[in-house]
Amino acid sequence: MSDALIDAVTRYTDAQTGESPFVTAVEGLTILRSNQETRPNHLIHKPALCIVVQGAKWTTFGDRRFDYRAGQALVVSVETPAFGRVVEASPEKPFLGVIIEFDLATMREVMEALDTLPKSSGDARSGVFVTNFDGPLGDCALRMVRLLDTPNAIPMIYPLLMREISYWLLTGPRGGEIAGLALSSSRSQRVISAIHALRERFAEPVRIEDLARTAQMSPSAFHREFKALTSMTPLQYQKQLRLLEARRLMTTDTANVETAAFQVGYESPSQFSREYSRMFGAPPRREVVALKRAAS
């Protein structure tokens, strides 16, 4: 990774108050910094380019783990629950990261303007992958971070940078996977439509047949494509969404365990507590108390 990008991200984070992640004035651009290795952190990944500028981390989606370090980026093509951990960081050499969320409308415009369309794989096998991040893409990231120094220029320059990023991704070695993300007619995009439906109704009982109908697939084909894209089954995906939302309710809305369990779709608080403990490593009351103590 270029020294210029390291310097730009370091300078930006040095000037910030509060803690990482830093949501910036550029829509969809988030800056990360950690002076030490972190505990595994659960979150929902949006479709984005997740660049490691300095240090290293890993992220797990379902049963697949991705390790990436400086000079590499995690490409996430679908909104998916995950958990990750910074594994290389110190006060002298902190972990630095840049997240650039995808603008699918811009990506489609760029793809339509290409003389030769990237060949989509036609399946969902590359919903998440790690790629090297250098050359033109690295230069785009540097200019994106430097744009924060001139807020008045953001409305004019940011759309141009997103078009350039889309171009380099679509014409790069993984252009087929990126095309699958952008093409509304692709199998991946049809599964993503079903994922959006599941996200909107995650507290309701899920029927694979209904989701498959949304994706215009047979139930067996949908189940296979969903697992390939997200590294988990639809029921596992729903369960992680429910538990993450329950955690948010208990930590930010001060809901108690029983209320949170019922709001996210559980009929049994005891089942909720068991599944919460398996995912987060501690019963909900104890884990929420520890989170609130750490935040105070």
Protein backbone atom coordinates (compact mmCIF):
# COMPACT_ATOMS: atom_id res chain seq x y z
CA MET A 1 0.00 0.00 0.00
CA SER A 2 1.35 3.44 -0.91
CA ASP A 3 2.92 5.63 1.76
CA ALA A 4 0.77 8.51 0.48
CA LEU A 5 -2.46 6.66 1.35
CA ILE A 6 -1.10 5.66 4.75
CA ASP A 7 -0.16 9.29 5.42
CA ALA A 8 -3.55 10.60 4.26
CA VAL A 9 -5.54 8.18 6.43
CA THR A 10 -3.23 8.73 9.42
CA ARG A 11 -3.54 12.49 9.12
CA TYR A 12 -7.34 12.28 8.88
CA THR A 13 -7.72 9.98 11.89
CA ASP A 14 -5.24 12.02 13.98
CA ALA A 15 -7.56 15.02 13.57
CA GLN A 16 -10.72 13.18 14.68
CA THR A 17 -12.34 13.02 18.09
CA GLY A 18 -14.22 9.97 19.29
CA GLU A 19 -13.52 6.41 18.23
CA SER A 20 -13.35 4.43 15.01
CA PRO A 21 -15.21 3.87 12.74
CA PHE A 22 -15.21 7.45 11.44
CA VAL A 23 -18.17 8.27 9.17
CA THR A 24 -16.93 10.96 6.81
CA ALA A 25 -18.46 13.82 4.85
CA VAL A 26 -18.21 11.68 1.70
CA GLU A 27 -21.32 9.52 1.45
CA GLY A 28 -20.42 5.86 1.80
CA LEU A 29 -16.80 6.50 2.83
CA THR A 30 -15.80 5.26 6.29
CA ILE A 31 -12.32 5.37 7.82
CA LEU A 32 -11.11 2.77 10.33
CA ARG A 33 -8.28 2.93 12.84
CA SER A 34 -7.26 0.68 15.72
CA ASN A 35 -4.13 0.94 17.84
CA GLN A 36 -4.46 -2.65 19.04
CA GLU A 37 -5.82 -6.02 18.04
CA THR A 38 -9.57 -6.24 18.62
CA ARG A 39 -12.06 -8.78 19.83
CA PRO A 40 -14.33 -10.31 17.17
CA ASN A 41 -16.99 -7.76 16.30
CA HIS A 42 -20.40 -8.69 14.86
CA LEU A 43 -21.89 -6.43 12.21
CA ILE A 44 -23.86 -6.38 8.98
CA HIS A 45 -21.62 -5.77 5.98
CA LYS A 46 -23.07 -3.63 3.21
CA PRO A 47 -21.89 -4.09 -0.41
CA ALA A 48 -18.53 -2.36 -0.34
CA LEU A 49 -14.84 -2.32 -1.00
CA CYS A 50 -13.09 -2.84 2.36
CA ILE A 51 -9.45 -1.78 1.97
CA VAL A 52 -6.68 -2.56 4.44
CA VAL A 53 -4.27 0.37 4.30
CA GLN A 54 -2.05 -0.84 7.15
CA GLY A 55 -2.15 -3.91 9.37
CA ALA A 56 -4.29 -7.03 8.90
CA LYS A 57 -7.68 -8.47 9.82
CA TRP A 58 -10.02 -11.34 9.12
CA THR A 59 -13.76 -11.46 8.50
CA THR A 60 -16.02 -14.49 8.67
CA PHE A 61 -19.24 -14.90 6.71
CA GLY A 62 -21.12 -18.01 7.76
CA ASP A 63 -18.61 -20.84 7.47
CA ARG A 64 -16.04 -18.97 5.38
CA ARG A 65 -13.18 -16.88 6.73
CA PHE A 66 -11.28 -14.28 4.70
CA ASP A 67 -7.84 -13.03 5.77
CA TYR A 68 -6.58 -9.81 4.22
CA ARG A 69 -3.85 -7.33 4.94
CA ALA A 70 -2.21 -4.13 3.69
CA GLY A 71 -2.47 -3.91 -0.08
CA GLN A 72 -5.59 -6.09 -0.21
CA ALA A 73 -9.32 -5.42 -0.12
CA LEU A 74 -12.35 -7.47 0.78
CA VAL A 75 -15.07 -7.11 -1.86
CA VAL A 76 -18.56 -7.68 -0.44
CA SER A 77 -21.36 -7.85 -3.00
CA VAL A 78 -24.37 -8.50 -0.75
CA GLU A 79 -25.58 -7.17 2.59
CA THR A 80 -24.59 -9.97 4.94
CA PRO A 81 -24.10 -10.57 8.68
CA ALA A 82 -20.48 -11.18 9.54
CA PHE A 83 -17.93 -10.87 12.28
CA GLY A 84 -14.36 -9.71 12.00
CA ARG A 85 -11.24 -8.98 13.98
CA VAL A 86 -8.17 -6.79 13.59
CA VAL A 87 -5.18 -9.08 14.08
CA GLU A 88 -2.26 -6.78 13.36
CA ALA A 89 -2.12 -3.35 15.01
CA SER A 90 -0.08 -1.39 17.56
CA PRO A 91 0.16 2.22 18.79
CA GLU A 92 3.32 2.62 16.70
CA LYS A 93 1.76 1.05 13.60
CA PRO A 94 -2.06 1.13 13.91
CA PHE A 95 -4.49 -0.76 11.77
CA LEU A 96 -5.86 1.58 9.09
CA GLY A 97 -8.76 0.82 6.79
CA VAL A 98 -10.97 2.50 4.20
CA ILE A 99 -14.49 1.32 3.36
CA ILE A 100 -16.07 2.54 0.12
CA GLU A 101 -19.69 1.48 -0.30
CA PHE A 102 -20.73 0.56 -3.81
CA ASP A 103 -23.02 2.81 -5.84
CA LEU A 104 -24.84 0.22 -7.95
CA ALA A 105 -26.60 2.81 -10.12
CA THR A 106 -23.25 4.31 -11.12
CA MET A 107 -21.80 0.84 -11.66
CA ARG A 108 -24.62 -0.05 -14.06
CA GLU A 109 -24.12 3.19 -15.99
CA VAL A 110 -20.41 2.49 -16.38
CA MET A 111 -21.03 -1.11 -17.41
CA GLU A 112 -23.52 -0.05 -20.08
CA ALA A 113 -20.92 2.35 -21.52
CA LEU A 114 -18.21 -0.31 -21.88
CA ASP A 115 -17.39 -1.54 -25.37
CA THR A 116 -17.11 -5.10 -24.07
CA LEU A 117 -19.21 -6.20 -21.14
CA PRO A 118 -17.39 -8.24 -18.50
CA LYS A 119 -18.49 -11.85 -18.62
CA SER A 120 -20.60 -12.64 -15.57
CA SER A 121 -20.12 -16.05 -14.05
CA GLY A 122 -23.91 -16.36 -13.85
CA ASP A 123 -23.85 -17.83 -10.35
CA ALA A 124 -23.43 -16.68 -6.79
CA ARG A 125 -20.08 -18.28 -6.00
CA SER A 126 -18.19 -15.06 -5.49
CA GLY A 127 -20.42 -13.05 -3.19
CA VAL A 128 -17.34 -12.18 -1.16
CA PHE A 129 -13.71 -12.32 -2.22
CA VAL A 130 -10.31 -10.79 -1.48
CA THR A 131 -8.40 -8.96 -4.20
CA ASN A 132 -5.13 -7.08 -4.42
CA PHE A 133 -5.60 -3.34 -4.16
CA ASP A 134 -3.03 -1.25 -5.95
CA GLY A 135 -2.46 0.70 -9.15
CA PRO A 136 -5.44 2.78 -10.37
CA LEU A 137 -7.75 1.60 -7.57
CA GLY A 138 -5.21 2.63 -4.95
CA ASP A 139 -4.95 6.03 -6.58
CA CYS A 140 -8.76 6.39 -6.45
CA ALA A 141 -8.78 5.58 -2.74
CA LEU A 142 -6.08 8.16 -2.09
CA ARG A 143 -7.99 10.87 -3.95
CA MET A 144 -11.19 9.89 -2.14
CA VAL A 145 -9.53 10.38 1.26
CA ARG A 146 -7.85 13.62 0.17
CA LEU A 147 -11.24 14.90 -0.97
CA LEU A 148 -12.12 15.23 2.72
CA ASP A 149 -9.77 18.23 2.87
CA THR A 150 -11.99 20.16 0.44
CA PRO A 151 -15.63 19.60 1.44
CA ASN A 152 -16.96 22.02 -1.17
CA ALA A 153 -15.50 19.82 -3.91
CA ILE A 154 -17.21 16.63 -2.72
CA PRO A 155 -20.50 17.00 -4.67
CA MET A 156 -18.59 17.53 -7.92
CA ILE A 157 -15.65 15.12 -7.56
CA TYR A 158 -17.16 12.22 -5.62
CA PRO A 159 -19.46 11.01 -8.47
CA LEU A 160 -16.48 11.07 -10.86
CA LEU A 161 -14.38 9.01 -8.46
CA MET A 162 -17.17 6.45 -8.06
CA ARG A 163 -17.40 6.13 -11.83
CA GLU A 164 -13.65 5.58 -12.04
CA ILE A 165 -13.69 3.01 -9.24
CA SER A 166 -16.54 1.19 -11.00
CA TYR A 167 -14.58 1.19 -14.25
CA TRP A 168 -11.44 -0.32 -12.75
CA LEU A 169 -13.42 -2.97 -10.89
CA LEU A 170 -15.47 -3.96 -13.95
CA THR A 171 -12.44 -4.14 -16.22
CA GLY A 172 -10.23 -5.87 -13.66
CA PRO A 173 -9.55 -9.59 -13.18
CA ARG A 174 -12.75 -10.05 -11.11
CA GLY A 175 -14.94 -8.01 -13.43
CA GLY A 176 -17.33 -10.92 -13.97
CA GLU A 177 -18.20 -11.10 -10.28
CA ILE A 178 -18.69 -7.33 -10.13
CA ALA A 179 -20.93 -7.51 -13.21
CA GLY A 180 -23.05 -10.12 -11.46
CA LEU A 181 -23.57 -7.64 -8.66
CA ALA A 182 -24.70 -4.89 -11.05
CA LEU A 183 -26.84 -6.85 -13.52
CA SER A 184 -30.44 -6.97 -12.34
CA SER A 185 -31.08 -10.05 -14.50
CA SER A 186 -28.26 -12.14 -13.02
CA ARG A 187 -28.88 -15.06 -10.67
CA SER A 188 -26.90 -13.27 -7.97
CA GLN A 189 -29.06 -10.17 -8.23
CA ARG A 190 -32.26 -12.24 -8.03
CA VAL A 191 -31.00 -13.87 -4.84
CA ILE A 192 -30.10 -10.41 -3.52
CA SER A 193 -33.71 -9.33 -4.12
CA ALA A 194 -34.84 -12.22 -1.94
CA ILE A 195 -32.29 -11.26 0.70
CA HIS A 196 -33.76 -7.76 0.79
CA ALA A 197 -37.22 -9.28 1.31
CA LEU A 198 -35.84 -11.42 4.13
CA ARG A 199 -34.19 -8.41 5.75
CA GLU A 200 -37.43 -6.46 5.70
CA ARG A 201 -39.38 -9.30 7.36
CA PHE A 202 -36.72 -11.07 9.43
CA ALA A 203 -38.96 -11.12 12.54
CA GLU A 204 -41.59 -13.17 10.68
CA PRO A 205 -41.51 -16.94 10.06
CA VAL A 206 -39.54 -17.62 6.89
CA ARG A 207 -40.68 -19.91 4.08
CA ILE A 208 -37.99 -20.95 1.63
CA GLU A 209 -40.66 -21.37 -1.05
CA ASP A 210 -41.66 -17.71 -0.76
CA LEU A 211 -38.05 -16.49 -0.97
CA ALA A 212 -37.38 -18.81 -3.92
CA ARG A 213 -40.41 -17.39 -5.70
CA THR A 214 -39.00 -13.88 -5.23
CA ALA A 215 -35.72 -15.05 -6.76
CA GLN A 216 -37.56 -16.86 -9.60
CA MET A 217 -35.90 -20.15 -8.71
CA SER A 218 -36.84 -23.56 -7.45
CA PRO A 219 -36.45 -23.96 -3.66
CA SER A 220 -33.47 -26.29 -4.05
CA ALA A 221 -31.68 -24.00 -6.52
CA PHE A 222 -32.41 -20.95 -4.37
CA HIS A 223 -31.07 -22.65 -1.23
CA ARG A 224 -27.89 -23.61 -3.10
CA GLU A 225 -27.36 -20.13 -4.58
CA PHE A 226 -28.14 -18.38 -1.28
CA LYS A 227 -25.55 -20.49 0.55
CA ALA A 228 -22.97 -19.88 -2.18
CA LEU A 229 -23.50 -16.12 -2.06
CA THR A 230 -23.65 -15.59 1.71
CA SER A 231 -21.86 -18.70 3.07
CA MET A 232 -24.92 -19.46 5.21
CA THR A 233 -28.44 -20.84 4.79
CA PRO A 234 -31.49 -18.54 4.75
CA LEU A 235 -32.40 -19.68 8.29
CA GLN A 236 -28.88 -18.98 9.55
CA TYR A 237 -28.98 -15.57 7.88
CA GLN A 238 -32.33 -14.79 9.50
CA LYS A 239 -31.09 -15.93 12.91
CA GLN A 240 -28.04 -13.66 12.76
CA LEU A 241 -30.20 -10.71 11.72
CA ARG A 242 -32.55 -11.35 14.64
CA LEU A 243 -29.76 -11.62 17.19
CA LEU A 244 -27.95 -8.52 15.93
CA GLU A 245 -31.17 -6.49 16.07
CA ALA A 246 -31.95 -7.80 19.56
CA ARG A 247 -28.49 -6.78 20.69
CA ARG A 248 -29.08 -3.29 19.29
CA LEU A 249 -32.44 -3.03 21.05
CA MET A 250 -30.92 -4.00 24.40
CA THR A 251 -27.91 -1.69 24.13
CA THR A 252 -29.48 1.41 22.57
CA ASP A 253 -33.20 1.18 23.30
CA THR A 254 -32.81 -0.33 26.80
CA ALA A 255 -35.19 -3.20 25.99
CA ASN A 256 -34.97 -6.12 28.41
CA VAL A 257 -34.18 -9.66 27.25
CA GLU A 258 -37.78 -10.83 26.96
CA THR A 259 -38.94 -7.72 25.09
CA ALA A 260 -36.04 -7.86 22.64
CA ALA A 261 -36.60 -11.59 22.03
CA PHE A 262 -40.27 -11.12 21.16
CA GLN A 263 -39.65 -8.04 19.01
CA VAL A 264 -37.22 -9.91 16.73
CA GLY A 265 -39.47 -12.94 16.34
CA TYR A 266 -38.58 -15.40 19.09
CA GLU A 267 -41.46 -17.09 20.90
CA SER A 268 -39.24 -18.50 23.64
CA PRO A 269 -36.89 -16.23 25.66
CA SER A 270 -34.93 -19.31 26.76
CA GLN A 271 -34.27 -20.33 23.15
CA PHE A 272 -33.29 -16.73 22.40
CA SER A 273 -30.81 -16.72 25.31
CA ARG A 274 -29.25 -20.01 24.17
CA GLU A 275 -28.77 -18.84 20.60
CA TYR A 276 -27.55 -15.41 21.73
CA SER A 277 -24.93 -17.07 23.96
CA ARG A 278 -23.72 -19.25 21.09
CA MET A 279 -23.31 -16.26 18.78
CA PHE A 280 -21.88 -13.66 21.17
CA GLY A 281 -20.14 -15.90 23.71
CA ALA A 282 -22.17 -14.85 26.78
CA PRO A 283 -25.82 -14.72 27.92
CA PRO A 284 -27.61 -11.55 26.76
CA ARG A 285 -27.85 -9.81 30.15
CA ARG A 286 -24.18 -10.30 30.95
CA GLU A 287 -22.97 -9.40 27.45
CA VAL A 288 -25.09 -6.25 27.23
CA VAL A 289 -23.88 -5.07 30.65
CA ALA A 290 -20.28 -5.55 29.49
CA LEU A 291 -20.96 -3.63 26.25
CA LYS A 292 -22.53 -0.71 28.10
CA ARG A 293 -19.68 -0.64 30.62
CA ALA A 294 -17.12 -0.58 27.81
CA ALA A 295 -18.96 2.29 26.09
CA SER A 296 -19.22 4.45 29.23
